[in-house]
PDB file of all heavy atoms in Angstrom:
ATOM      1  N   LEU A   1     -17.908   6.285  -5.654  1.00  0.00           N
ATOM      2  CA  LEU A   1     -17.147   5.430  -4.606  1.00  0.00           C
ATOM      3  C   LEU A   1     -16.208   4.407  -5.403  1.00  0.00           C
ATOM      4  O   LEU A   1     -15.121   4.172  -4.991  1.00  0.00           O
ATOM      5  CB  LEU A   1     -18.088   4.739  -3.713  1.00  0.00           C
ATOM      6  CG  LEU A   1     -18.757   5.616  -2.641  1.00  0.00           C
ATOM      7  CD1 LEU A   1     -19.826   4.747  -1.850  1.00  0.00           C
ATOM      8  CD2 LEU A   1     -17.747   6.131  -1.705  1.00  0.00           C
ATOM      9  N   GLY A   2     -16.683   3.900  -6.512  1.00  0.00           N
ATOM     10  CA  GLY A   2     -15.854   3.011  -7.287  1.00  0.00           C
ATOM     11  C   GLY A   2     -14.664   3.647  -7.866  1.00  0.00           C
ATOM     12  O   GLY A   2     -13.587   3.081  -7.826  1.00  0.00           O
ATOM     13  N   VAL A   3     -14.859   4.915  -8.381  1.00  0.00           N
ATOM     14  CA  VAL A   3     -13.685   5.575  -8.891  1.00  0.00           C
ATOM     15  C   VAL A   3     -12.667   5.965  -7.733  1.00  0.00           C
ATOM     16  O   VAL A   3     -11.488   5.768  -7.907  1.00  0.00           O
ATOM     17  CB  VAL A   3     -14.179   6.970  -9.619  1.00  0.00           C
ATOM     18  CG1 VAL A   3     -12.957   7.842  -9.891  1.00  0.00           C
ATOM     19  CG2 VAL A   3     -14.928   6.578 -10.837  1.00  0.00           C
ATOM     20  N   ILE A   4     -13.173   6.365  -6.620  1.00  0.00           N
ATOM     21  CA  ILE A   4     -12.326   6.681  -5.467  1.00  0.00           C
ATOM     22  C   ILE A   4     -11.601   5.409  -5.035  1.00  0.00           C
ATOM     23  O   ILE A   4     -10.412   5.381  -4.782  1.00  0.00           O
ATOM     24  CB  ILE A   4     -13.100   7.337  -4.299  1.00  0.00           C
ATOM     25  CG1 ILE A   4     -13.553   8.659  -4.754  1.00  0.00           C
ATOM     26  CG2 ILE A   4     -12.312   7.329  -3.004  1.00  0.00           C
ATOM     27  CD1 ILE A   4     -14.560   9.259  -3.756  1.00  0.00           C
ATOM     28  N   GLY A   5     -12.313   4.267  -4.987  1.00  0.00           N
ATOM     29  CA  GLY A   5     -11.702   3.003  -4.591  1.00  0.00           C
ATOM     30  C   GLY A   5     -10.636   2.581  -5.573  1.00  0.00           C
ATOM     31  O   GLY A   5      -9.672   2.004  -5.204  1.00  0.00           O
ATOM     32  N   GLY A   6     -10.887   2.886  -6.853  1.00  0.00           N
ATOM     33  CA  GLY A   6      -9.891   2.544  -7.867  1.00  0.00           C
ATOM     34  C   GLY A   6      -8.570   3.317  -7.706  1.00  0.00           C
ATOM     35  O   GLY A   6      -7.518   2.761  -7.996  1.00  0.00           O
ATOM     36  N   PHE A   7      -8.698   4.521  -7.189  1.00  0.00           N
ATOM     37  CA  PHE A   7      -7.454   5.301  -6.941  1.00  0.00           C
ATOM     38  C   PHE A   7      -6.774   4.910  -5.573  1.00  0.00           C
ATOM     39  O   PHE A   7      -5.634   4.980  -5.450  1.00  0.00           O
ATOM     40  CB  PHE A   7      -7.732   6.769  -6.930  1.00  0.00           C
ATOM     41  CG  PHE A   7      -7.897   7.318  -8.302  1.00  0.00           C
ATOM     42  CD1 PHE A   7      -9.175   7.716  -8.790  1.00  0.00           C
ATOM     43  CD2 PHE A   7      -6.849   7.335  -9.233  1.00  0.00           C
ATOM     44  CE1 PHE A   7      -9.355   8.180 -10.086  1.00  0.00           C
ATOM     45  CE2 PHE A   7      -6.973   7.898 -10.518  1.00  0.00           C
ATOM     46  CZ  PHE A   7      -8.308   8.284 -10.932  1.00  0.00           C
ATOM     47  N   VAL A   8      -7.596   4.599  -4.626  1.00  0.00           N
ATOM     48  CA  VAL A   8      -7.071   4.308  -3.243  1.00  0.00           C
ATOM     49  C   VAL A   8      -6.346   2.897  -3.227  1.00  0.00           C
ATOM     50  O   VAL A   8      -5.391   2.691  -2.495  1.00  0.00           O
ATOM     51  CB  VAL A   8      -8.188   4.430  -2.230  1.00  0.00           C
ATOM     52  CG1 VAL A   8      -7.749   3.886  -0.886  1.00  0.00           C
ATOM     53  CG2 VAL A   8      -8.631   5.898  -2.147  1.00  0.00           C
ATOM     54  N   ALA A   9      -6.890   1.909  -3.952  1.00  0.00           N
ATOM     55  CA  ALA A   9      -6.443   0.553  -3.884  1.00  0.00           C
ATOM     56  C   ALA A   9      -4.900   0.436  -4.140  1.00  0.00           C
ATOM     57  O   ALA A   9      -4.182  -0.197  -3.359  1.00  0.00           O
ATOM     58  CB  ALA A   9      -7.252  -0.379  -4.774  1.00  0.00           C
ATOM     59  N   PRO A  10      -4.413   1.034  -5.193  1.00  0.00           N
ATOM     60  CA  PRO A  10      -2.997   0.980  -5.429  1.00  0.00           C
ATOM     61  C   PRO A  10      -2.170   1.624  -4.313  1.00  0.00           C
ATOM     62  O   PRO A  10      -1.006   1.190  -4.019  1.00  0.00           O
ATOM     63  CB  PRO A  10      -2.744   1.677  -6.738  1.00  0.00           C
ATOM     64  CG  PRO A  10      -4.052   1.643  -7.375  1.00  0.00           C
ATOM     65  CD  PRO A  10      -5.062   1.692  -6.369  1.00  0.00           C
ATOM     66  N   LEU A  11      -2.710   2.725  -3.782  1.00  0.00           N
ATOM     67  CA  LEU A  11      -1.981   3.345  -2.649  1.00  0.00           C
ATOM     68  C   LEU A  11      -1.858   2.421  -1.454  1.00  0.00           C
ATOM     69  O   LEU A  11      -0.913   2.354  -0.749  1.00  0.00           O
ATOM     70  CB  LEU A  11      -2.697   4.695  -2.322  1.00  0.00           C
ATOM     71  CG  LEU A  11      -2.657   5.738  -3.380  1.00  0.00           C
ATOM     72  CD1 LEU A  11      -3.492   6.913  -2.922  1.00  0.00           C
ATOM     73  CD2 LEU A  11      -1.261   6.163  -3.738  1.00  0.00           C
ATOM     74  N   LEU A  12      -2.960   1.722  -1.205  1.00  0.00           N
ATOM     75  CA  LEU A  12      -2.972   0.774  -0.057  1.00  0.00           C
ATOM     76  C   LEU A  12      -2.001  -0.373  -0.284  1.00  0.00           C
ATOM     77  O   LEU A  12      -1.330  -0.802   0.621  1.00  0.00           O
ATOM     78  CB  LEU A  12      -4.390   0.257   0.196  1.00  0.00           C
ATOM     79  CG  LEU A  12      -5.373   1.256   0.802  1.00  0.00           C
ATOM     80  CD1 LEU A  12      -6.758   0.587   0.898  1.00  0.00           C
ATOM     81  CD2 LEU A  12      -4.915   1.732   2.183  1.00  0.00           C
ATOM     82  N   MET A  13      -1.871  -0.770  -1.549  1.00  0.00           N
ATOM     83  CA  MET A  13      -0.901  -1.838  -1.837  1.00  0.00           C
ATOM     84  C   MET A  13       0.507  -1.377  -1.640  1.00  0.00           C
ATOM     85  O   MET A  13       1.334  -2.090  -1.120  1.00  0.00           O
ATOM     86  CB  MET A  13      -1.125  -2.301  -3.334  1.00  0.00           C
ATOM     87  CG  MET A  13      -2.372  -3.059  -3.548  1.00  0.00           C
ATOM     88  SD  MET A  13      -2.566  -4.590  -2.650  1.00  0.00           S
ATOM     89  CE  MET A  13      -1.262  -5.560  -3.505  1.00  0.00           C
ATOM     90  N   LYS A  14       0.763  -0.124  -2.036  1.00  0.00           N
ATOM     91  CA  LYS A  14       2.082   0.398  -1.799  1.00  0.00           C
ATOM     92  C   LYS A  14       2.434   0.576  -0.324  1.00  0.00           C
ATOM     93  O   LYS A  14       3.487   0.332   0.103  1.00  0.00           O
ATOM     94  CB  LYS A  14       2.212   1.824  -2.450  1.00  0.00           C
ATOM     95  CG  LYS A  14       2.296   1.802  -3.997  1.00  0.00           C
ATOM     96  CD  LYS A  14       3.602   1.277  -4.458  1.00  0.00           C
ATOM     97  CE  LYS A  14       3.725   1.467  -5.913  1.00  0.00           C
ATOM     98  NZ  LYS A  14       4.998   0.933  -6.432  1.00  0.00           N
ATOM     99  N   LEU A  15       1.426   0.954   0.442  1.00  0.00           N
ATOM    100  CA  LEU A  15       1.609   1.084   1.899  1.00  0.00           C
ATOM    101  C   LEU A  15       1.803  -0.266   2.508  1.00  0.00           C
ATOM    102  O   LEU A  15       2.701  -0.378   3.363  1.00  0.00           O
ATOM    103  CB  LEU A  15       0.279   1.716   2.511  1.00  0.00           C
ATOM    104  CG  LEU A  15       0.305   1.909   4.003  1.00  0.00           C
ATOM    105  CD1 LEU A  15       1.439   2.944   4.390  1.00  0.00           C
ATOM    106  CD2 LEU A  15      -1.016   2.448   4.539  1.00  0.00           C
ATOM    107  N   ILE A  16       1.097  -1.331   2.147  1.00  0.00           N
ATOM    108  CA  ILE A  16       1.351  -2.690   2.592  1.00  0.00           C
ATOM    109  C   ILE A  16       2.788  -3.077   2.224  1.00  0.00           C
ATOM    110  O   ILE A  16       3.565  -3.667   3.139  1.00  0.00           O
ATOM    111  CB  ILE A  16       0.366  -3.735   2.013  1.00  0.00           C
ATOM    112  CG1 ILE A  16      -1.016  -3.389   2.591  1.00  0.00           C
ATOM    113  CG2 ILE A  16       0.783  -5.135   2.251  1.00  0.00           C
ATOM    114  CD1 ILE A  16      -2.167  -4.162   1.871  1.00  0.00           C
ATOM    115  N   GLY A  17       3.273  -2.887   1.040  1.00  0.00           N
ATOM    116  CA  GLY A  17       4.650  -3.122   0.669  1.00  0.00           C
ATOM    117  C   GLY A  17       5.629  -2.371   1.499  1.00  0.00           C
ATOM    118  O   GLY A  17       6.660  -2.936   1.919  1.00  0.00           O
ATOM    119  N   PHE A  18       5.373  -1.089   1.798  1.00  0.00           N
ATOM    120  CA  PHE A  18       6.271  -0.301   2.524  1.00  0.00           C
ATOM    121  C   PHE A  18       6.371  -0.791   3.986  1.00  0.00           C
ATOM    122  O   PHE A  18       7.559  -0.979   4.490  1.00  0.00           O
ATOM    123  CB  PHE A  18       5.770   1.176   2.579  1.00  0.00           C
ATOM    124  CG  PHE A  18       6.559   2.090   3.375  1.00  0.00           C
ATOM    125  CD1 PHE A  18       7.807   2.492   2.946  1.00  0.00           C
ATOM    126  CD2 PHE A  18       6.134   2.464   4.623  1.00  0.00           C
ATOM    127  CE1 PHE A  18       8.617   3.349   3.745  1.00  0.00           C
ATOM    128  CE2 PHE A  18       6.862   3.276   5.453  1.00  0.00           C
ATOM    129  CZ  PHE A  18       8.104   3.770   4.980  1.00  0.00           C
ATOM    130  N   ILE A  19       5.255  -1.049   4.628  1.00  0.00           N
ATOM    131  CA  ILE A  19       5.308  -1.590   5.990  1.00  0.00           C
ATOM    132  C   ILE A  19       5.972  -2.943   6.100  1.00  0.00           C
ATOM    133  O   ILE A  19       6.745  -3.173   7.048  1.00  0.00           O
ATOM    134  CB  ILE A  19       3.854  -1.675   6.534  1.00  0.00           C
ATOM    135  CG1 ILE A  19       3.175  -0.269   6.571  1.00  0.00           C
ATOM    136  CG2 ILE A  19       3.823  -2.382   7.978  1.00  0.00           C
ATOM    137  CD1 ILE A  19       3.599   0.620   7.655  1.00  0.00           C
ATOM    138  N   THR A  20       5.679  -3.815   5.107  1.00  0.00           N
ATOM    139  CA  THR A  20       6.269  -5.098   5.081  1.00  0.00           C
ATOM    140  C   THR A  20       7.809  -4.982   4.995  1.00  0.00           C
ATOM    141  O   THR A  20       8.567  -5.634   5.719  1.00  0.00           O
ATOM    142  CB  THR A  20       5.749  -5.924   3.989  1.00  0.00           C
ATOM    143  OG1 THR A  20       4.351  -6.097   4.162  1.00  0.00           O
ATOM    144  CG2 THR A  20       6.403  -7.387   3.954  1.00  0.00           C
ATOM    145  N   ASN A  21       8.243  -4.193   4.102  1.00  0.00           N
ATOM    146  CA  ASN A  21       9.724  -4.041   3.879  1.00  0.00           C
ATOM    147  C   ASN A  21      10.369  -3.418   5.070  1.00  0.00           C
ATOM    148  O   ASN A  21      11.490  -3.804   5.517  1.00  0.00           O
ATOM    149  CB  ASN A  21      10.004  -3.161   2.597  1.00  0.00           C
ATOM    150  CG  ASN A  21       9.962  -3.982   1.386  1.00  0.00           C
ATOM    151  OD1 ASN A  21      10.609  -4.964   1.327  1.00  0.00           O
ATOM    152  ND2 ASN A  21       9.282  -3.441   0.421  1.00  0.00           N
ATOM    153  N   LEU A  22       9.687  -2.419   5.650  1.00  0.00           N
ATOM    154  CA  LEU A  22      10.322  -1.756   6.836  1.00  0.00           C
ATOM    155  C   LEU A  22      10.408  -2.674   8.017  1.00  0.00           C
ATOM    156  O   LEU A  22      11.392  -2.743   8.718  1.00  0.00           O
ATOM    157  CB  LEU A  22       9.449  -0.553   7.170  1.00  0.00           C
ATOM    158  CG  LEU A  22      10.055   0.415   8.230  1.00  0.00           C
ATOM    159  CD1 LEU A  22      11.378   1.036   7.725  1.00  0.00           C
ATOM    160  CD2 LEU A  22       9.057   1.579   8.516  1.00  0.00           C
ATOM    161  N   SER A  23       9.334  -3.480   8.265  1.00  0.00           N
ATOM    162  CA  SER A  23       9.307  -4.230   9.494  1.00  0.00           C
ATOM    163  C   SER A  23      10.054  -5.579   9.314  1.00  0.00           C
ATOM    164  O   SER A  23      10.686  -6.032  10.278  1.00  0.00           O
ATOM    165  CB  SER A  23       7.878  -4.582   9.948  1.00  0.00           C
ATOM    166  OG  SER A  23       7.112  -5.218   8.902  1.00  0.00           O
ATOM    167  N   PHE A  24      10.067  -6.228   8.188  1.00  0.00           N
ATOM    168  CA  PHE A  24      10.663  -7.554   7.986  1.00  0.00           C
ATOM    169  C   PHE A  24      12.064  -7.451   7.442  1.00  0.00           C
ATOM    170  O   PHE A  24      12.976  -8.257   7.742  1.00  0.00           O
ATOM    171  CB  PHE A  24       9.848  -8.456   7.087  1.00  0.00           C
ATOM    172  CG  PHE A  24       8.614  -8.929   7.749  1.00  0.00           C
ATOM    173  CD1 PHE A  24       7.436  -8.682   7.187  1.00  0.00           C
ATOM    174  CD2 PHE A  24       8.686  -9.663   8.979  1.00  0.00           C
ATOM    175  CE1 PHE A  24       6.173  -9.094   7.808  1.00  0.00           C
ATOM    176  CE2 PHE A  24       7.498 -10.136   9.557  1.00  0.00           C
ATOM    177  CZ  PHE A  24       6.309  -9.856   8.985  1.00  0.00           C
ATOM    178  N   TYR A  25      12.323  -6.475   6.457  1.00  0.00           N
ATOM    179  CA  TYR A  25      13.621  -6.455   5.850  1.00  0.00           C
ATOM    180  C   TYR A  25      14.484  -5.257   6.243  1.00  0.00           C
ATOM    181  O   TYR A  25      15.589  -5.147   5.829  1.00  0.00           O
ATOM    182  CB  TYR A  25      13.378  -6.404   4.329  1.00  0.00           C
ATOM    183  CG  TYR A  25      12.694  -7.614   3.760  1.00  0.00           C
ATOM    184  CD1 TYR A  25      11.386  -7.580   3.343  1.00  0.00           C
ATOM    185  CD2 TYR A  25      13.340  -8.840   3.667  1.00  0.00           C
ATOM    186  CE1 TYR A  25      10.744  -8.705   2.831  1.00  0.00           C
ATOM    187  CE2 TYR A  25      12.711 -10.035   3.193  1.00  0.00           C
ATOM    188  CZ  TYR A  25      11.398  -9.913   2.764  1.00  0.00           C
ATOM    189  OH  TYR A  25      10.803 -10.998   2.350  1.00  0.00           O
ATOM    190  N   GLY A  26      13.881  -4.255   6.980  1.00  0.00           N
ATOM    191  CA  GLY A  26      14.609  -3.169   7.456  1.00  0.00           C
ATOM    192  C   GLY A  26      15.040  -2.182   6.384  1.00  0.00           C
ATOM    193  O   GLY A  26      16.111  -1.535   6.516  1.00  0.00           O
ATOM    194  N   ARG A  27      14.276  -2.112   5.389  1.00  0.00           N
ATOM    195  CA  ARG A  27      14.638  -1.141   4.294  1.00  0.00           C
ATOM    196  C   ARG A  27      13.443  -0.345   3.936  1.00  0.00           C
ATOM    197  O   ARG A  27      12.251  -0.718   4.214  1.00  0.00           O
ATOM    198  CB  ARG A  27      15.145  -1.885   3.006  1.00  0.00           C
ATOM    199  CG  ARG A  27      14.157  -2.772   2.411  1.00  0.00           C
ATOM    200  CD  ARG A  27      14.754  -3.462   1.147  1.00  0.00           C
ATOM    201  NE  ARG A  27      13.645  -3.975   0.289  1.00  0.00           N
ATOM    202  CZ  ARG A  27      13.635  -3.988  -0.924  1.00  0.00           C
ATOM    203  NH1 ARG A  27      14.730  -3.606  -1.573  1.00  0.00           N
ATOM    204  NH2 ARG A  27      12.669  -4.536  -1.637  1.00  0.00           N
TER     205      ARG A  27
END
């Protein structure tokens, strides 16, 4: 679970950045 979490965490950070950019900045 720790190894899986280590791979998933950066993906979630990218998803947060994507949603933030799309909703607030329109890009």
